[in-house]
Amino acid sequence: MREQIAGAVAGGVDIVQLRERHLQAGEYAAFVRECIQLTQGTATRILVNDRVDIALATGAHGVHLREVSASIEAVRTVAHKEFIIGRSVHDAGTAARMRTADYLIVGTVFETASKPPGHRVLGVDGLREVVAAAGTCPVWAVGGVTQERLPSLKAAGAQGVAAIDAFLPGPTAADVAGEVKALSERLRFLLDR
């Protein structure tokens, strides 16, 4: 995983969300600190999935909250001003309630290997509804994101994407760096149009 994160940083990824639920608190904190070190001198930010305590204790750049987690407002009361707070949402109603986050990740938009078969898929129309409900809060799409699908995600209003499959076991740091760079360049090109 460290090799893939290093590759993502080299590729210019904006955010790495750490989701190591299987690690005990001490191990997880040590891993977060290592990942923060990998980003030194870059624009990449490290966010910890749902563990506000570990994010704050390690000096991570922020936290990504699950849909059913601590409130955004509660986290803001204990975090510094630059602390990034993201939130997962799966429908427009939840997006409308969570738009005080710094960004929302919505999914699953397309079928993906990271979710079991039969997992609920929103599609582009569902993504469009979430974007409308989110108001000015940026929305990033997750689930089955590929370069070929970026135009439809952009047309639905997504301002970013999350790519879990690039981090599944197997790809080298160079593979991840190349994928991140290609996705980033294509998405930036589309958003600038």
Protein backbone atom coordinates (compact mmCIF):
# COMPACT_ATOMS: atom_id res chain seq x y z
CA MET A 1 0.00 0.00 0.00
CA ARG A 2 2.83 2.44 0.79
CA GLU A 3 4.27 1.92 -2.70
CA GLN A 4 0.90 2.71 -4.29
CA ILE A 5 0.43 5.81 -2.13
CA ALA A 6 3.91 6.99 -3.12
CA GLY A 7 2.91 6.44 -6.75
CA ALA A 8 -0.30 8.43 -6.30
CA VAL A 9 1.65 11.29 -4.73
CA ALA A 10 4.16 11.19 -7.59
CA GLY A 11 1.25 11.28 -10.03
CA GLY A 12 -0.08 14.46 -8.41
CA VAL A 13 -3.14 13.14 -6.58
CA ASP A 14 -4.91 15.80 -4.54
CA ILE A 15 -6.07 13.63 -1.64
CA VAL A 16 -5.29 10.16 -0.33
CA GLN A 17 -8.00 8.78 1.91
CA LEU A 18 -6.64 6.15 4.29
CA ARG A 19 -9.17 3.41 5.08
CA GLU A 20 -7.14 0.91 7.10
CA ARG A 21 -9.96 -0.27 9.39
CA HIS A 22 -8.17 -3.51 10.24
CA LEU A 23 -5.30 -1.72 12.03
CA GLN A 24 -5.28 -1.06 15.77
CA ALA A 25 -5.13 2.62 16.76
CA GLY A 26 -1.36 2.70 17.38
CA GLU A 27 -0.54 0.93 14.12
CA TYR A 28 -2.98 3.10 12.22
CA ALA A 29 -1.47 6.29 13.66
CA ALA A 30 2.03 5.15 12.69
CA PHE A 31 0.82 4.37 9.16
CA VAL A 32 -0.85 7.79 8.85
CA ARG A 33 2.37 9.51 9.95
CA GLU A 34 4.35 7.55 7.33
CA CYS A 35 1.88 8.60 4.64
CA ILE A 36 2.07 12.24 5.71
CA GLN A 37 5.86 11.99 5.30
CA LEU A 38 5.33 10.72 1.74
CA THR A 39 3.48 13.95 0.90
CA GLN A 40 6.09 16.38 2.23
CA GLY A 41 6.81 19.08 -0.35
CA THR A 42 3.76 18.21 -2.45
CA ALA A 43 0.18 19.44 -2.69
CA THR A 44 -1.21 15.99 -1.77
CA ARG A 45 -3.28 15.86 1.41
CA ILE A 46 -3.77 12.84 3.68
CA LEU A 47 -7.26 12.25 5.08
CA VAL A 48 -8.14 9.55 7.59
CA ASN A 49 -11.34 7.61 7.05
CA ASP A 50 -13.77 8.25 9.92
CA ARG A 51 -11.17 8.26 12.74
CA VAL A 52 -11.21 11.91 13.78
CA ASP A 53 -9.07 11.08 16.83
CA ILE A 54 -6.28 9.59 14.73
CA ALA A 55 -6.49 12.35 12.12
CA LEU A 56 -6.06 15.02 14.80
CA ALA A 57 -3.39 13.15 16.77
CA THR A 58 -1.20 12.53 13.73
CA GLY A 59 -1.50 15.93 12.09
CA ALA A 60 -3.35 14.55 9.07
CA HIS A 61 -4.80 17.16 6.75
CA GLY A 62 -8.35 16.08 7.47
CA VAL A 63 -10.92 13.35 7.85
CA HIS A 64 -13.37 11.64 5.55
CA LEU A 65 -16.59 10.76 7.37
CA ARG A 66 -18.85 7.88 6.45
CA GLU A 67 -22.49 8.71 5.80
CA VAL A 68 -23.40 7.54 9.33
CA SER A 69 -20.67 9.07 11.47
CA ALA A 70 -19.88 12.09 13.59
CA SER A 71 -21.53 15.32 12.55
CA ILE A 72 -19.55 17.78 10.46
CA GLU A 73 -20.29 20.51 12.99
CA ALA A 74 -18.94 18.41 15.89
CA VAL A 75 -15.69 17.79 14.02
CA ARG A 76 -15.33 21.49 13.20
CA THR A 77 -15.48 22.34 16.92
CA VAL A 78 -12.37 20.24 17.66
CA ALA A 79 -10.38 20.74 14.45
CA HIS A 80 -8.22 23.61 13.24
CA LYS A 81 -9.49 25.95 10.52
CA GLU A 82 -7.61 24.29 7.62
CA PHE A 83 -8.75 20.77 8.59
CA ILE A 84 -10.52 19.19 5.59
CA ILE A 85 -13.82 17.42 6.25
CA GLY A 86 -15.26 15.21 3.56
CA ARG A 87 -18.40 13.11 3.71
CA SER A 88 -19.72 10.06 1.85
CA VAL A 89 -23.28 10.29 0.60
CA HIS A 90 -25.44 7.92 -1.38
CA ASP A 91 -28.49 10.00 -2.29
CA ALA A 92 -29.71 13.53 -2.85
CA GLY A 93 -31.52 13.83 0.51
CA THR A 94 -28.36 13.06 2.45
CA ALA A 95 -26.33 15.40 0.23
CA ALA A 96 -28.70 18.26 1.05
CA ARG A 97 -28.13 17.68 4.79
CA MET A 98 -24.35 17.25 4.50
CA ARG A 99 -23.43 20.16 2.25
CA THR A 100 -21.54 21.94 5.03
CA ALA A 101 -18.68 19.50 4.35
CA ASP A 102 -15.68 20.66 2.34
CA TYR A 103 -16.59 18.07 -0.30
CA LEU A 104 -18.95 15.12 -0.76
CA ILE A 105 -18.08 11.79 -2.33
CA VAL A 106 -21.08 10.16 -3.96
CA GLY A 107 -21.31 6.60 -5.09
CA THR A 108 -21.41 4.08 -6.23
CA VAL A 109 -21.93 5.69 -9.65
CA PHE A 110 -20.99 2.70 -11.85
CA GLU A 111 -20.34 -0.98 -11.15
CA THR A 112 -16.91 -1.50 -9.62
CA ALA A 113 -14.69 -4.36 -8.51
CA SER A 114 -14.40 -2.77 -5.04
CA LYS A 115 -18.10 -3.46 -4.28
CA PRO A 116 -19.94 -6.80 -4.33
CA PRO A 117 -22.17 -7.66 -7.30
CA GLY A 118 -25.67 -6.28 -6.82
CA HIS A 119 -24.45 -3.26 -4.83
CA ARG A 120 -26.70 -0.25 -5.45
CA VAL A 121 -25.51 1.84 -8.40
CA LEU A 122 -26.69 5.45 -8.80
CA GLY A 123 -25.75 6.00 -12.41
CA VAL A 124 -25.21 9.39 -13.98
CA ASP A 125 -28.78 10.53 -13.27
CA GLY A 126 -28.41 9.77 -9.56
CA LEU A 127 -25.11 11.66 -9.52
CA ARG A 128 -26.82 14.65 -11.17
CA GLU A 129 -29.50 14.66 -8.43
CA VAL A 130 -26.86 14.61 -5.69
CA VAL A 131 -24.95 17.48 -7.32
CA ALA A 132 -28.14 19.56 -7.45
CA ALA A 133 -28.93 18.82 -3.79
CA ALA A 134 -25.36 19.62 -2.66
CA GLY A 135 -25.62 23.27 -3.66
CA THR A 136 -22.16 24.85 -3.71
CA CYS A 137 -20.45 21.92 -1.96
CA PRO A 138 -18.11 20.17 -4.42
CA VAL A 139 -19.17 16.63 -5.33
CA TRP A 140 -16.75 13.88 -6.36
CA ALA A 141 -17.89 10.68 -8.02
CA VAL A 142 -16.70 7.23 -6.96
CA GLY A 143 -17.34 3.78 -8.32
CA GLY A 144 -16.23 2.53 -11.69
CA VAL A 145 -14.40 5.74 -12.57
CA THR A 146 -12.43 5.48 -15.81
CA GLN A 147 -11.03 8.01 -18.25
CA GLU A 148 -13.78 7.10 -20.71
CA ARG A 149 -16.48 7.92 -18.15
CA LEU A 150 -15.09 11.30 -17.12
CA PRO A 151 -17.09 13.31 -19.70
CA SER A 152 -20.40 11.90 -18.43
CA LEU A 153 -19.37 12.53 -14.80
CA LYS A 154 -18.41 16.11 -15.63
CA ALA A 155 -21.68 16.62 -17.54
CA ALA A 156 -23.56 15.48 -14.42
CA GLY A 157 -21.75 18.15 -12.38
CA ALA A 158 -19.00 16.16 -10.62
CA GLN A 159 -16.04 18.36 -9.73
CA GLY A 160 -13.72 15.51 -8.94
CA VAL A 161 -13.40 11.75 -8.79
CA ALA A 162 -12.17 9.10 -6.40
CA ALA A 163 -10.49 6.00 -7.79
CA ILE A 164 -10.32 3.09 -5.39
CA ASP A 165 -9.53 0.42 -7.98
CA ALA A 166 -6.12 2.01 -8.65
CA PHE A 167 -5.13 1.03 -5.11
CA LEU A 168 -6.38 -2.53 -5.09
CA PRO A 169 -3.58 -5.09 -4.62
CA GLY A 170 -1.33 -5.47 -7.60
CA PRO A 171 -0.45 -2.16 -9.28
CA THR A 172 3.06 -0.83 -8.92
CA ALA A 173 3.87 2.72 -7.87
CA ALA A 174 4.54 3.55 -11.53
CA ASP A 175 1.13 2.10 -12.55
CA VAL A 176 -0.65 4.19 -9.93
CA ALA A 177 1.31 7.33 -10.81
CA GLY A 178 0.44 6.92 -14.47
CA GLU A 179 -3.26 6.32 -13.79
CA VAL A 180 -3.51 9.28 -11.39
CA LYS A 181 -1.73 11.58 -13.82
CA ALA A 182 -3.92 10.50 -16.75
CA LEU A 183 -7.17 10.85 -14.79
CA SER A 184 -6.12 14.22 -13.36
CA GLU A 185 -5.08 15.67 -16.69
CA ARG A 186 -8.26 14.50 -18.42
CA LEU A 187 -10.52 15.74 -15.60
CA ARG A 188 -8.80 19.13 -15.42
CA PHE A 189 -9.12 19.48 -19.18
CA LEU A 190 -12.86 18.73 -18.98
CA LEU A 191 -13.47 21.04 -16.01
CA ASP A 192 -11.67 23.93 -17.72
CA ARG A 193 -13.93 23.69 -20.80
